Amino acid sequence: MSGTNRLRVPIELQCSLFFFETEIVVPVRDIQEWGELDKCIIFPYDIAFFAGIEVYKPWEHVHKHIPDLLGKWKEIEESCRTYFTERQAKRALEPMKEGIALLFMMLFWVHGKPVYLRDWPLHVDTLDIKPVNAVERLTFIMQGPARYHAFIQLSELFRELEKHYVKNQIKNRLRQ
């Protein structure tokens, strides 16, 4: 298997916020195991999975990766906060998109599923672990990701999702 593959963006992940082209280069060799998020494209594991390529499936081991996802979000959050403080909203767009992608990964992966962006509101509605009004709030964020209020909303969604995840983990431990 080569180091990178040019793959079609799977129908399950087609979303104009993240993908402008129908094909994307995926570093398949780098996603055979869990790696640093900043070295990968958005949704690399999910893209390869839907393309039928055997790669590591982080949603099957999500408890190991939540700290990495949250750590990456903290880095992105700090960058976005700086851009918005300096009134450089356009520079915040790319990190905001990356943050939105991380939130989708967390939302789906904590349920043991790869990310589904096609008809995502329907999929998110079926999830048990999610912030209140997640669909409405994510819709607001995705309609204007370079707005300060979208950043605040995304930060709150991360905090709430982390709390719901921890609460669910505690419940599961108590049941055992």
N, C-alpha and C. Protein backbone atom coordinates (compact mmCIF):
# COMPACT_ATOMS: atom_id res chain seq x y z
N MET A 1 0.85 -1.18 0.00
CA MET A 1 0.00 0.00 0.00
C MET A 1 0.89 1.23 0.00
N SER A 2 0.59 2.19 -0.81
CA SER A 2 1.41 3.39 -0.89
C SER A 2 1.17 4.30 0.31
N GLY A 3 2.01 5.30 0.46
CA GLY A 3 1.91 6.22 1.59
C GLY A 3 0.67 7.10 1.53
N THR A 4 0.31 7.54 0.34
CA THR A 4 -0.89 8.36 0.19
C THR A 4 -1.76 7.80 -0.92
N ASN A 5 -3.03 7.99 -0.77
CA ASN A 5 -3.99 7.56 -1.79
C ASN A 5 -4.88 8.74 -2.14
N ARG A 6 -5.20 8.87 -3.40
CA ARG A 6 -6.17 9.88 -3.83
C ARG A 6 -7.52 9.18 -3.82
N LEU A 7 -8.39 9.64 -2.93
CA LEU A 7 -9.69 9.00 -2.75
C LEU A 7 -10.82 9.98 -3.02
N ARG A 8 -11.93 9.42 -3.48
CA ARG A 8 -13.14 10.22 -3.61
C ARG A 8 -13.66 10.52 -2.21
N VAL A 9 -14.15 11.72 -2.03
CA VAL A 9 -14.78 12.02 -0.74
C VAL A 9 -16.04 11.17 -0.68
N PRO A 10 -16.13 10.28 0.29
CA PRO A 10 -17.30 9.39 0.36
C PRO A 10 -18.59 10.18 0.51
N ILE A 11 -19.66 9.63 -0.02
CA ILE A 11 -20.95 10.30 0.05
C ILE A 11 -21.34 10.59 1.50
N GLU A 12 -20.93 9.71 2.40
CA GLU A 12 -21.26 9.89 3.82
C GLU A 12 -20.61 11.12 4.43
N LEU A 13 -19.55 11.62 3.79
CA LEU A 13 -18.80 12.76 4.33
C LEU A 13 -18.87 14.01 3.46
N GLN A 14 -19.68 13.99 2.42
CA GLN A 14 -19.75 15.16 1.54
C GLN A 14 -20.43 16.32 2.26
N CYS A 15 -19.66 17.40 2.39
CA CYS A 15 -20.14 18.61 3.06
C CYS A 15 -19.29 19.76 2.55
N SER A 16 -19.92 20.76 1.99
CA SER A 16 -19.18 21.85 1.34
C SER A 16 -18.34 22.66 2.33
N LEU A 17 -18.66 22.63 3.60
CA LEU A 17 -17.84 23.35 4.57
C LEU A 17 -16.44 22.77 4.64
N PHE A 18 -16.33 21.46 4.48
CA PHE A 18 -15.05 20.78 4.64
C PHE A 18 -14.37 20.39 3.33
N PHE A 19 -15.16 20.05 2.31
CA PHE A 19 -14.59 19.53 1.07
C PHE A 19 -15.14 20.28 -0.13
N PHE A 20 -14.24 20.95 -0.86
CA PHE A 20 -14.63 21.67 -2.07
C PHE A 20 -14.49 20.80 -3.30
N GLU A 21 -13.60 19.82 -3.22
CA GLU A 21 -13.34 18.94 -4.36
C GLU A 21 -13.95 17.57 -4.10
N THR A 22 -14.08 16.79 -5.15
CA THR A 22 -14.66 15.45 -5.00
C THR A 22 -13.62 14.41 -4.62
N GLU A 23 -12.34 14.76 -4.76
CA GLU A 23 -11.27 13.84 -4.38
C GLU A 23 -10.34 14.52 -3.40
N ILE A 24 -9.69 13.69 -2.59
CA ILE A 24 -8.77 14.21 -1.58
C ILE A 24 -7.63 13.23 -1.39
N VAL A 25 -6.46 13.74 -1.07
CA VAL A 25 -5.31 12.88 -0.80
C VAL A 25 -5.33 12.51 0.68
N VAL A 26 -5.31 11.21 0.94
CA VAL A 26 -5.34 10.71 2.31
C VAL A 26 -4.02 9.99 2.60
N PRO A 27 -3.35 10.35 3.70
CA PRO A 27 -2.08 9.69 4.06
C PRO A 27 -2.33 8.33 4.70
N VAL A 28 -2.68 7.35 3.88
CA VAL A 28 -3.11 6.03 4.38
C VAL A 28 -2.06 5.40 5.29
N ARG A 29 -0.80 5.50 4.94
CA ARG A 29 0.24 4.89 5.77
C ARG A 29 0.23 5.50 7.18
N ASP A 30 -0.05 6.78 7.28
CA ASP A 30 -0.03 7.47 8.57
C ASP A 30 -1.24 7.16 9.44
N ILE A 31 -2.27 6.55 8.89
CA ILE A 31 -3.47 6.29 9.69
C ILE A 31 -3.71 4.81 9.92
N GLN A 32 -2.64 4.03 9.84
CA GLN A 32 -2.75 2.61 10.18
C GLN A 32 -2.83 2.45 11.69
N GLU A 33 -2.44 3.48 12.40
CA GLU A 33 -2.57 3.53 13.85
C GLU A 33 -2.88 4.97 14.22
N TRP A 34 -3.18 5.20 15.49
CA TRP A 34 -3.52 6.55 15.93
C TRP A 34 -2.29 7.43 15.83
N GLY A 35 -2.47 8.62 15.28
CA GLY A 35 -1.36 9.55 15.14
C GLY A 35 -1.76 10.95 15.56
N GLU A 36 -0.82 11.86 15.44
CA GLU A 36 -1.08 13.24 15.80
C GLU A 36 -2.12 13.84 14.86
N LEU A 37 -3.09 14.51 15.44
CA LEU A 37 -4.18 15.08 14.64
C LEU A 37 -3.72 16.21 13.73
N ASP A 38 -2.72 16.96 14.15
CA ASP A 38 -2.33 18.10 13.32
C ASP A 38 -1.56 17.69 12.08
N LYS A 39 -1.19 16.44 11.96
CA LYS A 39 -0.48 15.97 10.76
C LYS A 39 -1.45 15.41 9.72
N CYS A 40 -2.70 15.31 10.07
CA CYS A 40 -3.68 14.66 9.19
C CYS A 40 -4.65 15.67 8.61
N ILE A 41 -5.28 15.26 7.55
CA ILE A 41 -6.37 16.04 6.97
C ILE A 41 -7.60 15.85 7.85
N ILE A 42 -8.65 16.58 7.58
CA ILE A 42 -9.89 16.43 8.33
C ILE A 42 -10.54 15.09 7.99
N PHE A 43 -10.92 14.35 9.00
CA PHE A 43 -11.61 13.05 8.88
C PHE A 43 -10.82 11.98 8.12
N PRO A 44 -9.51 11.85 8.29
CA PRO A 44 -8.77 10.87 7.48
C PRO A 44 -9.20 9.43 7.74
N TYR A 45 -9.44 9.08 9.00
CA TYR A 45 -9.82 7.70 9.34
C TYR A 45 -11.19 7.37 8.75
N ASP A 46 -12.09 8.32 8.84
CA ASP A 46 -13.46 8.12 8.36
C ASP A 46 -13.49 8.01 6.83
N ILE A 47 -12.71 8.86 6.16
CA ILE A 47 -12.65 8.82 4.69
C ILE A 47 -12.15 7.46 4.22
N ALA A 48 -11.03 7.02 4.80
CA ALA A 48 -10.46 5.73 4.40
C ALA A 48 -11.41 4.58 4.72
N PHE A 49 -12.06 4.64 5.87
CA PHE A 49 -13.02 3.59 6.25
C PHE A 49 -14.13 3.48 5.22
N PHE A 50 -14.75 4.61 4.86
CA PHE A 50 -15.85 4.58 3.90
C PHE A 50 -15.38 4.20 2.49
N ALA A 51 -14.09 4.40 2.22
CA ALA A 51 -13.53 4.01 0.92
C ALA A 51 -13.17 2.52 0.90
N GLY A 52 -13.38 1.85 2.01
CA GLY A 52 -13.11 0.41 2.08
C GLY A 52 -11.66 0.06 2.33
N ILE A 53 -10.88 1.02 2.79
CA ILE A 53 -9.47 0.77 3.09
C ILE A 53 -9.35 0.40 4.56
N GLU A 54 -8.63 -0.66 4.82
CA GLU A 54 -8.45 -1.11 6.20
C GLU A 54 -7.47 -0.19 6.92
N VAL A 55 -7.97 0.59 7.84
CA VAL A 55 -7.15 1.50 8.64
C VAL A 55 -7.59 1.40 10.09
N TYR A 56 -6.87 2.07 10.94
CA TYR A 56 -7.22 2.13 12.36
C TYR A 56 -8.59 2.80 12.50
N LYS A 57 -9.41 2.31 13.40
CA LYS A 57 -10.75 2.86 13.62
C LYS A 57 -10.81 3.47 15.02
N PRO A 58 -10.52 4.76 15.14
CA PRO A 58 -10.47 5.38 16.46
C PRO A 58 -11.79 5.33 17.22
N TRP A 59 -12.91 5.23 16.52
CA TRP A 59 -14.21 5.16 17.18
C TRP A 59 -14.39 3.84 17.93
N GLU A 60 -13.54 2.86 17.67
CA GLU A 60 -13.60 1.60 18.41
C GLU A 60 -12.78 1.65 19.69
N HIS A 61 -11.99 2.70 19.86
CA HIS A 61 -11.12 2.86 21.03
C HIS A 61 -11.20 4.31 21.52
N VAL A 62 -12.37 4.89 21.48
CA VAL A 62 -12.51 6.33 21.69
C VAL A 62 -12.02 6.79 23.05
N HIS A 63 -12.17 5.95 24.08
CA HIS A 63 -11.73 6.37 25.41
C HIS A 63 -10.24 6.71 25.44
N LYS A 64 -9.47 6.12 24.54
CA LYS A 64 -8.04 6.43 24.44
C LYS A 64 -7.80 7.78 23.76
N HIS A 65 -8.74 8.22 22.94
CA HIS A 65 -8.49 9.37 22.07
C HIS A 65 -9.20 10.65 22.49
N ILE A 66 -10.15 10.56 23.40
CA ILE A 66 -10.85 11.77 23.85
C ILE A 66 -9.85 12.81 24.37
N PRO A 67 -8.87 12.42 25.20
CA PRO A 67 -7.90 13.44 25.65
C PRO A 67 -7.16 14.11 24.50
N ASP A 68 -6.83 13.36 23.45
CA ASP A 68 -6.15 13.95 22.29
C ASP A 68 -7.07 14.93 21.56
N LEU A 69 -8.32 14.54 21.38
CA LEU A 69 -9.28 15.42 20.69
C LEU A 69 -9.48 16.71 21.49
N LEU A 70 -9.64 16.57 22.80
CA LEU A 70 -9.84 17.75 23.64
C LEU A 70 -8.57 18.61 23.69
N GLY A 71 -7.42 17.97 23.73
CA GLY A 71 -6.16 18.72 23.72
C GLY A 71 -5.99 19.51 22.44
N LYS A 72 -6.33 18.88 21.32
CA LYS A 72 -6.25 19.57 20.04
C LYS A 72 -7.24 20.73 20.01
N TRP A 73 -8.44 20.52 20.56
CA TRP A 73 -9.41 21.60 20.60
C TRP A 73 -8.88 22.77 21.41
N LYS A 74 -8.21 22.51 22.53
CA LYS A 74 -7.67 23.59 23.36
C LYS A 74 -6.68 24.44 22.56
N GLU A 75 -5.85 23.80 21.74
CA GLU A 75 -4.91 24.54 20.88
C GLU A 75 -5.67 25.41 19.88
N ILE A 76 -6.66 24.81 19.24
CA ILE A 76 -7.46 25.53 18.24
C ILE A 76 -8.22 26.68 18.90
N GLU A 77 -8.80 26.40 20.06
CA GLU A 77 -9.58 27.41 20.78
C GLU A 77 -8.71 28.63 21.09
N GLU A 78 -7.48 28.39 21.52
CA GLU A 78 -6.57 29.49 21.84
C GLU A 78 -6.25 30.31 20.59
N SER A 79 -6.01 29.64 19.47
CA SER A 79 -5.74 30.35 18.21
C SER A 79 -6.93 31.19 17.80
N CYS A 80 -8.11 30.59 17.85
CA CYS A 80 -9.33 31.32 17.46
C CYS A 80 -9.57 32.51 18.37
N ARG A 81 -9.39 32.30 19.68
CA ARG A 81 -9.59 33.39 20.63
C ARG A 81 -8.66 34.57 20.28
N THR A 82 -7.41 34.27 19.95
CA THR A 82 -6.45 35.31 19.57
C THR A 82 -6.91 36.03 18.31
N TYR A 83 -7.31 35.27 17.29
CA TYR A 83 -7.77 35.89 16.04
C TYR A 83 -8.97 36.80 16.27
N PHE A 84 -9.93 36.32 17.06
CA PHE A 84 -11.12 37.14 17.28
C PHE A 84 -10.80 38.37 18.14
N THR A 85 -9.91 38.21 19.11
CA THR A 85 -9.50 39.34 19.94
C THR A 85 -8.83 40.41 19.10
N GLU A 86 -8.05 39.97 18.13
CA GLU A 86 -7.34 40.90 17.24
C GLU A 86 -8.19 41.30 16.03
N ARG A 87 -9.45 40.91 16.04
CA ARG A 87 -10.40 41.23 14.96
C ARG A 87 -9.92 40.73 13.60
N GLN A 88 -9.42 39.50 13.60
CA GLN A 88 -8.96 38.86 12.36
C GLN A 88 -9.83 37.63 12.10
N ALA A 89 -11.11 37.86 11.95
CA ALA A 89 -12.07 36.76 11.80
C ALA A 89 -11.76 35.87 10.61
N LYS A 90 -11.28 36.44 9.52
CA LYS A 90 -10.98 35.62 8.34
C LYS A 90 -9.90 34.58 8.64
N ARG A 91 -8.93 34.95 9.47
CA ARG A 91 -7.86 34.01 9.83
C ARG A 91 -8.39 32.91 10.75
N ALA A 92 -9.51 33.14 11.40
CA ALA A 92 -10.09 32.14 12.30
C ALA A 92 -10.86 31.06 11.55
N LEU A 93 -11.17 31.29 10.27
CA LEU A 93 -12.01 30.35 9.53
C LEU A 93 -11.44 28.93 9.49
N GLU A 94 -10.20 28.77 9.09
CA GLU A 94 -9.63 27.41 8.98
C GLU A 94 -9.56 26.70 10.33
N PRO A 95 -9.05 27.36 11.39
CA PRO A 95 -9.07 26.66 12.67
C PRO A 95 -10.49 26.37 13.17
N MET A 96 -11.43 27.24 12.86
CA MET A 96 -12.82 26.97 13.25
C MET A 96 -13.34 25.72 12.54
N LYS A 97 -13.04 25.60 11.25
CA LYS A 97 -13.47 24.40 10.51
C LYS A 97 -12.84 23.15 11.12
N GLU A 98 -11.59 23.26 11.50
CA GLU A 98 -10.92 22.12 12.14
C GLU A 98 -11.59 21.80 13.49
N GLY A 99 -11.95 22.83 14.22
CA GLY A 99 -12.64 22.63 15.50
C GLY A 99 -14.01 21.99 15.32
N ILE A 100 -14.74 22.42 14.31
CA ILE A 100 -16.05 21.83 14.01
C ILE A 100 -15.87 20.36 13.66
N ALA A 101 -14.85 20.06 12.87
CA ALA A 101 -14.56 18.66 12.51
C ALA A 101 -14.26 17.84 13.76
N LEU A 102 -13.47 18.39 14.68
CA LEU A 102 -13.16 17.68 15.92
C LEU A 102 -14.44 17.40 16.73
N LEU A 103 -15.34 18.38 16.74
CA LEU A 103 -16.59 18.17 17.48
C LEU A 103 -17.40 17.04 16.85
N PHE A 104 -17.48 17.03 15.52
CA PHE A 104 -18.18 15.93 14.85
C PHE A 104 -17.52 14.59 15.17
N MET A 105 -16.18 14.56 15.17
CA MET A 105 -15.49 13.31 15.50
C MET A 105 -15.87 12.86 16.90
N MET A 106 -15.83 13.78 17.85
CA MET A 106 -16.18 13.41 19.22
C MET A 106 -17.62 12.93 19.31
N LEU A 107 -18.53 13.68 18.69
CA LEU A 107 -19.95 13.31 18.74
C LEU A 107 -20.20 11.89 18.25
N PHE A 108 -19.64 11.57 17.10
CA PHE A 108 -19.88 10.25 16.52
C PHE A 108 -19.02 9.17 17.16
N TRP A 109 -17.76 9.48 17.39
CA TRP A 109 -16.85 8.46 17.90
C TRP A 109 -17.23 7.98 19.30
N VAL A 110 -17.78 8.86 20.15
CA VAL A 110 -18.17 8.38 21.49
C VAL A 110 -19.31 7.37 21.42
N HIS A 111 -19.95 7.29 20.27
CA HIS A 111 -21.01 6.30 20.06
C HIS A 111 -20.51 5.09 19.28
N GLY A 112 -19.19 5.03 19.07
CA GLY A 112 -18.61 3.89 18.36
C GLY A 112 -18.87 3.90 16.87
N LYS A 113 -19.09 5.10 16.30
CA LYS A 113 -19.42 5.23 14.87
C LYS A 113 -18.45 6.18 14.18
N PRO A 114 -18.21 5.95 12.88
CA PRO A 114 -17.47 6.96 12.12
C PRO A 114 -18.38 8.17 11.89
N VAL A 115 -17.79 9.27 11.49
CA VAL A 115 -18.54 10.51 11.26
C VAL A 115 -19.42 10.38 10.02
N TYR A 116 -20.65 10.88 10.12
CA TYR A 116 -21.57 10.98 8.98
C TYR A 116 -21.94 12.45 8.84
N LEU A 117 -21.52 13.06 7.74
CA LEU A 117 -21.85 14.46 7.49
C LEU A 117 -23.06 14.61 6.59
N ARG A 118 -23.30 13.62 5.75
CA ARG A 118 -24.48 13.68 4.89
C ARG A 118 -25.70 13.51 5.78
N ASP A 119 -26.61 14.43 5.69
CA ASP A 119 -27.80 14.44 6.55
C ASP A 119 -27.41 14.39 8.03
N TRP A 120 -26.33 15.09 8.37
CA TRP A 120 -25.82 15.03 9.74
C TRP A 120 -26.87 15.40 10.80
N PRO A 121 -27.79 16.34 10.56
CA PRO A 121 -28.76 16.63 11.62
C PRO A 121 -29.58 15.40 12.01
N LEU A 122 -29.95 14.58 11.03
CA LEU A 122 -30.71 13.36 11.33
C LEU A 122 -29.87 12.40 12.15
N HIS A 123 -28.60 12.26 11.80
CA HIS A 123 -27.71 11.36 12.54
C HIS A 123 -27.46 11.87 13.96
N VAL A 124 -27.19 13.16 14.10
CA VAL A 124 -26.90 13.72 15.42
C VAL A 124 -28.12 13.59 16.33
N ASP A 125 -29.31 13.77 15.77
CA ASP A 125 -30.53 13.63 16.58
C ASP A 125 -30.65 12.25 17.21
N THR A 126 -30.10 11.23 16.58
CA THR A 126 -30.23 9.86 17.11
C THR A 126 -29.19 9.55 18.18
N LEU A 127 -28.21 10.41 18.37
CA LEU A 127 -27.14 10.14 19.34
C LEU A 127 -27.62 10.39 20.77
N ASP A 128 -27.17 9.55 21.67
CA ASP A 128 -27.56 9.68 23.08
C ASP A 128 -26.72 10.71 23.82
N ILE A 129 -25.43 10.71 23.56
CA ILE A 129 -24.50 11.60 24.26
C ILE A 129 -24.27 12.81 23.38
N LYS A 130 -24.91 13.92 23.75
CA LYS A 130 -24.77 15.15 22.96
C LYS A 130 -25.24 16.33 23.80
N PRO A 131 -24.76 17.52 23.49
CA PRO A 131 -25.23 18.71 24.19
C PRO A 131 -26.69 19.01 23.85
N VAL A 132 -27.32 19.79 24.69
CA VAL A 132 -28.70 20.22 24.46
C VAL A 132 -28.74 21.06 23.19
N ASN A 133 -29.76 20.83 22.37
CA ASN A 133 -29.95 21.57 21.12
C ASN A 133 -28.72 21.52 20.21
N ALA A 134 -28.06 20.37 20.18
CA ALA A 134 -26.83 20.23 19.41
C ALA A 134 -27.03 20.54 17.93
N VAL A 135 -28.11 20.06 17.34
CA VAL A 135 -28.34 20.27 15.91
C VAL A 135 -28.52 21.76 15.60
N GLU A 136 -29.35 22.43 16.37
CA GLU A 136 -29.60 23.85 16.13
C GLU A 136 -28.32 24.66 16.30
N ARG A 137 -27.56 24.35 17.32
CA ARG A 137 -26.34 25.10 17.60
C ARG A 137 -25.26 24.83 16.55
N LEU A 138 -25.13 23.58 16.14
CA LEU A 138 -24.16 23.26 15.09
C LEU A 138 -24.56 23.89 13.76
N THR A 139 -25.84 23.93 13.48
CA THR A 139 -26.33 24.58 12.26
C THR A 139 -25.92 26.05 12.27
N PHE A 140 -26.14 26.71 13.39
CA PHE A 140 -25.75 28.12 13.55
C PHE A 140 -24.25 28.30 13.30
N ILE A 141 -23.44 27.43 13.89
CA ILE A 141 -21.98 27.52 13.75
C ILE A 141 -21.57 27.32 12.29
N MET A 142 -22.15 26.32 11.65
CA MET A 142 -21.75 25.98 10.28
C MET A 142 -22.21 27.03 9.27
N GLN A 143 -23.23 27.80 9.60
CA GLN A 143 -23.69 28.85 8.69
C GLN A 143 -22.77 30.06 8.67
N GLY A 144 -21.95 30.20 9.69
CA GLY A 144 -21.01 31.33 9.73
C GLY A 144 -19.85 31.03 10.66
N PRO A 145 -19.01 30.09 10.28
CA PRO A 145 -17.95 29.65 11.18
C PRO A 145 -16.90 30.71 11.53
N ALA A 146 -16.82 31.78 10.76
CA ALA A 146 -15.83 32.82 11.05
C ALA A 146 -16.41 33.94 11.92
N ARG A 147 -17.56 33.70 12.53
CA ARG A 147 -18.17 34.70 13.42
C ARG A 147 -17.78 34.41 14.87
N TYR A 148 -17.61 35.45 15.64
CA TYR A 148 -17.24 35.31 17.05
C TYR A 148 -18.27 34.49 17.82
N HIS A 149 -19.54 34.74 17.57
CA HIS A 149 -20.59 34.01 18.31
C HIS A 149 -20.58 32.52 17.97
N ALA A 150 -20.17 32.18 16.75
CA ALA A 150 -20.03 30.77 16.39
C ALA A 150 -18.90 30.14 17.20
N PHE A 151 -17.82 30.88 17.38
CA PHE A 151 -16.70 30.40 18.19
C PHE A 151 -17.14 30.15 19.63
N ILE A 152 -17.86 31.09 20.21
CA ILE A 152 -18.34 30.93 21.59
C ILE A 152 -19.24 29.70 21.68
N GLN A 153 -20.12 29.55 20.72
CA GLN A 153 -21.03 28.40 20.70
C GLN A 153 -20.26 27.08 20.59
N LEU A 154 -19.25 27.04 19.72
CA LEU A 154 -18.44 25.83 19.54
C LEU A 154 -17.70 25.50 20.84
N SER A 155 -17.15 26.50 21.49
CA SER A 155 -16.47 26.27 22.77
C SER A 155 -17.41 25.67 23.80
N GLU A 156 -18.62 26.20 23.86
CA GLU A 156 -19.61 25.68 24.81
C GLU A 156 -20.02 24.25 24.46
N LEU A 157 -20.18 23.96 23.18
CA LEU A 157 -20.52 22.59 22.77
C LEU A 157 -19.44 21.60 23.20
N PHE A 158 -18.19 21.98 23.06
CA PHE A 158 -17.10 21.10 23.51
C PHE A 158 -17.18 20.87 25.02
N ARG A 159 -17.38 21.94 25.78
CA ARG A 159 -17.48 21.79 27.24
C ARG A 159 -18.63 20.87 27.63
N GLU A 160 -19.77 21.10 27.02
CA GLU A 160 -20.94 20.29 27.34
C GLU A 160 -20.77 18.83 26.92
N LEU A 161 -20.22 18.62 25.73
CA LEU A 161 -20.02 17.25 25.26
C LEU A 161 -19.04 16.51 26.16
N GLU A 162 -17.99 17.19 26.59
CA GLU A 162 -17.04 16.56 27.51
C GLU A 162 -17.74 16.16 28.81
N LYS A 163 -18.57 17.04 29.36
CA LYS A 163 -19.30 16.73 30.59
C LYS A 163 -20.22 15.53 30.40
N HIS A 164 -20.96 15.52 29.29
CA HIS A 164 -21.86 14.39 29.01
C HIS A 164 -21.08 13.09 28.86
N TYR A 165 -19.95 13.15 28.21
CA TYR A 165 -19.12 11.96 28.02
C TYR A 165 -18.63 11.43 29.37
N VAL A 166 -18.10 12.32 30.21
CA VAL A 166 -17.60 11.90 31.53
C VAL A 166 -18.74 11.33 32.37
N LYS A 167 -19.88 11.99 32.35
CA LYS A 167 -21.05 11.50 33.09
C LYS A 167 -21.44 10.10 32.62
N ASN A 168 -21.43 9.88 31.32
CA ASN A 168 -21.77 8.57 30.76
C ASN A 168 -20.74 7.52 31.17
N GLN A 169 -19.46 7.88 31.19
CA GLN A 169 -18.40 6.95 31.61
C GLN A 169 -18.60 6.55 33.07
N ILE A 170 -18.94 7.51 33.91
CA ILE A 170 -19.17 7.22 35.33
C ILE A 170 -20.37 6.29 35.49
N LYS A 171 -21.45 6.57 34.78
CA LYS A 171 -22.63 5.70 34.83
C LYS A 171 -22.27 4.27 34.43
N ASN A 172 -21.50 4.14 33.35
CA ASN A 172 -21.11 2.81 32.87
C ASN A 172 -20.26 2.07 33.89
N ARG A 173 -19.38 2.78 34.58
CA ARG A 173 -18.54 2.14 35.62
C ARG A 173 -19.39 1.68 36.79
N LEU A 174 -20.38 2.48 37.16
CA LEU A 174 -21.25 2.13 38.28
C LEU A 174 -22.10 0.90 37.97
N ARG A 175 -22.45 0.71 36.72
CA ARG A 175 -23.26 -0.45 36.31
C ARG A 175 -22.47 -1.74 36.35
N GLN A 176 -21.15 -1.64 36.25
CA GLN A 176 -20.32 -2.85 36.17
C GLN A 176 -20.12 -3.50 37.52
